[in-house]
Amino acid sequence: MDLTLSAVLMFVIALIVSAVIIYIVTKLFGETEDIKTAFIAALVGTVLYTIVYYFLGQGLIAAFIAGIGWLLALKQLYEIGWLKALIIAVVIWIITSIVGMILPVL
């Protein structure tokens, strides 16, 4: 398989899996938004991390800045407070890490 096609396919699969995880976790926390909102949250998170890592490189500072950006996105998309966004993000991170061990594309 072509390297570019493979990378795009892995990106799409990871985006879908991430959106499903975000959707399930936010439902567990009582949010009523649909899967489209979860997909947007996954896409925004991916774009934010990509941009920040591109400019700052990998490291704690880049992860912190991108993480704050993603928290802001969750807060705005789901109309929730900072604390709830943080708790949801931590649960999403834990579940995504577990799923990532099973599906190495994440």
C-alpha atoms as a PDB file:
ATOM      1  CA  MET A   1       0.000   0.000   0.000  1.00  0.00           C
ATOM      2  CA  ASP A   2       1.251   3.486  -0.817  1.00  0.00           C
ATOM      3  CA  LEU A   3       2.719   5.298   2.205  1.00  0.00           C
ATOM      4  CA  THR A   4       0.504   8.365   1.743  1.00  0.00           C
ATOM      5  CA  LEU A   5      -2.648   6.279   1.351  1.00  0.00           C
ATOM      6  CA  SER A   6      -1.666   4.285   4.421  1.00  0.00           C
ATOM      7  CA  ALA A   7      -1.115   7.458   6.468  1.00  0.00           C
ATOM      8  CA  VAL A   8      -4.476   8.911   5.385  1.00  0.00           C
ATOM      9  CA  LEU A   9      -6.244   5.653   6.186  1.00  0.00           C
ATOM     10  CA  MET A  10      -4.645   5.487   9.645  1.00  0.00           C
ATOM     11  CA  PHE A  11      -5.581   9.132  10.267  1.00  0.00           C
ATOM     12  CA  VAL A  12      -9.228   8.527   9.301  1.00  0.00           C
ATOM     13  CA  ILE A  13      -9.472   5.389  11.436  1.00  0.00           C
ATOM     14  CA  ALA A  14      -7.902   7.163  14.418  1.00  0.00           C
ATOM     15  CA  LEU A  15     -10.243  10.127  13.962  1.00  0.00           C
ATOM     16  CA  ILE A  16     -13.321   7.888  13.868  1.00  0.00           C
ATOM     17  CA  VAL A  17     -12.213   5.870  16.902  1.00  0.00           C
ATOM     18  CA  SER A  18     -11.417   9.073  18.811  1.00  0.00           C
ATOM     19  CA  ALA A  19     -14.795  10.584  17.918  1.00  0.00           C
ATOM     20  CA  VAL A  20     -16.612   7.471  19.140  1.00  0.00           C
ATOM     21  CA  ILE A  21     -14.663   7.521  22.416  1.00  0.00           C
ATOM     22  CA  ILE A  22     -15.382  11.238  22.907  1.00  0.00           C
ATOM     23  CA  TYR A  23     -19.068  10.637  22.135  1.00  0.00           C
ATOM     24  CA  ILE A  24     -19.377   7.780  24.643  1.00  0.00           C
ATOM     25  CA  VAL A  25     -17.492   9.593  27.408  1.00  0.00           C
ATOM     26  CA  THR A  26     -19.476  12.801  27.004  1.00  0.00           C
ATOM     27  CA  LYS A  27     -22.720  10.799  27.071  1.00  0.00           C
ATOM     28  CA  LEU A  28     -21.569   9.180  30.333  1.00  0.00           C
ATOM     29  CA  PHE A  29     -21.151  12.699  31.739  1.00  0.00           C
ATOM     30  CA  GLY A  30     -24.695  13.666  30.717  1.00  0.00           C
ATOM     31  CA  GLU A  31     -23.984  15.697  27.605  1.00  0.00           C
ATOM     32  CA  THR A  32     -26.665  15.657  24.906  1.00  0.00           C
ATOM     33  CA  GLU A  33     -24.687  16.646  21.796  1.00  0.00           C
ATOM     34  CA  ASP A  34     -24.529  14.205  18.894  1.00  0.00           C
ATOM     35  CA  ILE A  35     -21.678  12.295  17.273  1.00  0.00           C
ATOM     36  CA  LYS A  36     -21.037  15.234  14.935  1.00  0.00           C
ATOM     37  CA  THR A  37     -19.924  17.340  17.904  1.00  0.00           C
ATOM     38  CA  ALA A  38     -17.634  14.532  19.045  1.00  0.00           C
ATOM     39  CA  PHE A  39     -16.166  14.302  15.539  1.00  0.00           C
ATOM     40  CA  ILE A  40     -15.550  18.060  15.513  1.00  0.00           C
ATOM     41  CA  ALA A  41     -13.891  17.801  18.954  1.00  0.00           C
ATOM     42  CA  ALA A  42     -11.636  15.003  17.687  1.00  0.00           C
ATOM     43  CA  LEU A  43     -10.762  16.955  14.557  1.00  0.00           C
ATOM     44  CA  VAL A  44     -10.087  20.185  16.485  1.00  0.00           C
ATOM     45  CA  GLY A  45      -7.872  18.273  18.922  1.00  0.00           C
ATOM     46  CA  THR A  46      -5.919  16.696  16.092  1.00  0.00           C
ATOM     47  CA  VAL A  47      -5.428  20.006  14.276  1.00  0.00           C
ATOM     48  CA  LEU A  48      -4.430  21.821  17.485  1.00  0.00           C
ATOM     49  CA  TYR A  49      -1.878  19.193  18.462  1.00  0.00           C
ATOM     50  CA  THR A  50      -0.469  19.080  14.938  1.00  0.00           C
ATOM     51  CA  ILE A  51      -0.033  22.854  14.730  1.00  0.00           C
ATOM     52  CA  VAL A  52       1.452  23.223  18.218  1.00  0.00           C
ATOM     53  CA  TYR A  53       3.817  20.269  17.767  1.00  0.00           C
ATOM     54  CA  TYR A  54       4.884  21.617  14.383  1.00  0.00           C
ATOM     55  CA  PHE A  55       5.905  24.966  15.852  1.00  0.00           C
ATOM     56  CA  LEU A  56       7.142  23.894  19.296  1.00  0.00           C
ATOM     57  CA  GLY A  57       8.274  20.324  18.683  1.00  0.00           C
ATOM     58  CA  GLN A  58       7.408  17.456  20.957  1.00  0.00           C
ATOM     59  CA  GLY A  59       7.661  18.045  24.651  1.00  0.00           C
ATOM     60  CA  LEU A  60       5.789  18.984  27.787  1.00  0.00           C
ATOM     61  CA  ILE A  61       5.330  22.637  26.858  1.00  0.00           C
ATOM     62  CA  ALA A  62       3.787  21.751  23.498  1.00  0.00           C
ATOM     63  CA  ALA A  63       1.568  19.104  25.076  1.00  0.00           C
ATOM     64  CA  PHE A  64       0.443  21.551  27.779  1.00  0.00           C
ATOM     65  CA  ILE A  65      -0.386  24.334  25.301  1.00  0.00           C
ATOM     66  CA  ALA A  66      -2.199  21.973  22.928  1.00  0.00           C
ATOM     67  CA  GLY A  67      -4.030  20.395  25.875  1.00  0.00           C
ATOM     68  CA  ILE A  68      -5.270  23.780  27.080  1.00  0.00           C
ATOM     69  CA  GLY A  69      -6.442  24.528  23.546  1.00  0.00           C
ATOM     70  CA  TRP A  70      -8.311  21.236  23.387  1.00  0.00           C
ATOM     71  CA  LEU A  71      -9.893  21.880  26.799  1.00  0.00           C
ATOM     72  CA  LEU A  72     -11.085  25.228  25.487  1.00  0.00           C
ATOM     73  CA  ALA A  73     -12.529  23.480  22.419  1.00  0.00           C
ATOM     74  CA  LEU A  74     -14.342  20.907  24.593  1.00  0.00           C
ATOM     75  CA  LYS A  75     -15.600  23.686  26.848  1.00  0.00           C
ATOM     76  CA  GLN A  76     -17.005  25.627  23.892  1.00  0.00           C
ATOM     77  CA  LEU A  77     -18.370  22.693  21.878  1.00  0.00           C
ATOM     78  CA  TYR A  78     -20.150  21.102  24.843  1.00  0.00           C
ATOM     79  CA  GLU A  79     -20.905  24.340  26.723  1.00  0.00           C
ATOM     80  CA  ILE A  80     -19.376  23.028  29.949  1.00  0.00           C
ATOM     81  CA  GLY A  81     -17.070  24.436  32.594  1.00  0.00           C
ATOM     82  CA  TRP A  82     -13.301  24.072  32.816  1.00  0.00           C
ATOM     83  CA  LEU A  83     -13.413  21.405  35.535  1.00  0.00           C
ATOM     84  CA  LYS A  84     -15.888  19.203  33.685  1.00  0.00           C
ATOM     85  CA  ALA A  85     -13.904  19.639  30.458  1.00  0.00           C
ATOM     86  CA  LEU A  86     -10.742  18.586  32.321  1.00  0.00           C
ATOM     87  CA  ILE A  87     -12.393  15.519  33.858  1.00  0.00           C
ATOM     88  CA  ILE A  88     -13.877  14.492  30.511  1.00  0.00           C
ATOM     89  CA  ALA A  89     -10.498  15.018  28.802  1.00  0.00           C
ATOM     90  CA  VAL A  90      -8.698  12.853  31.382  1.00  0.00           C
ATOM     91  CA  VAL A  91     -11.245  10.037  30.977  1.00  0.00           C
ATOM     92  CA  ILE A  92     -10.971  10.310  27.181  1.00  0.00           C
ATOM     93  CA  TRP A  93      -7.170  10.225  27.438  1.00  0.00           C
ATOM     94  CA  ILE A  94      -7.242   7.088  29.651  1.00  0.00           C
ATOM     95  CA  ILE A  95      -9.677   5.229  27.388  1.00  0.00           C
ATOM     96  CA  THR A  96      -7.841   6.315  24.233  1.00  0.00           C
ATOM     97  CA  SER A  97      -4.556   5.106  25.734  1.00  0.00           C
ATOM     98  CA  ILE A  98      -6.080   1.708  26.466  1.00  0.00           C
ATOM     99  CA  VAL A  99      -7.631   1.450  23.001  1.00  0.00           C
ATOM    100  CA  GLY A 100      -4.323   2.642  21.498  1.00  0.00           C
ATOM    101  CA  MET A 101      -2.595  -0.413  22.946  1.00  0.00           C
ATOM    102  CA  ILE A 102      -5.049  -2.583  21.030  1.00  0.00           C
ATOM    103  CA  LEU A 103      -5.275  -0.488  17.851  1.00  0.00           C
ATOM    104  CA  PRO A 104      -1.798   0.910  17.174  1.00  0.00           C
ATOM    105  CA  VAL A 105      -3.078   3.577  14.756  1.00  0.00           C
ATOM    106  CA  LEU A 106      -4.042   5.938  17.610  1.00  0.00           C
END
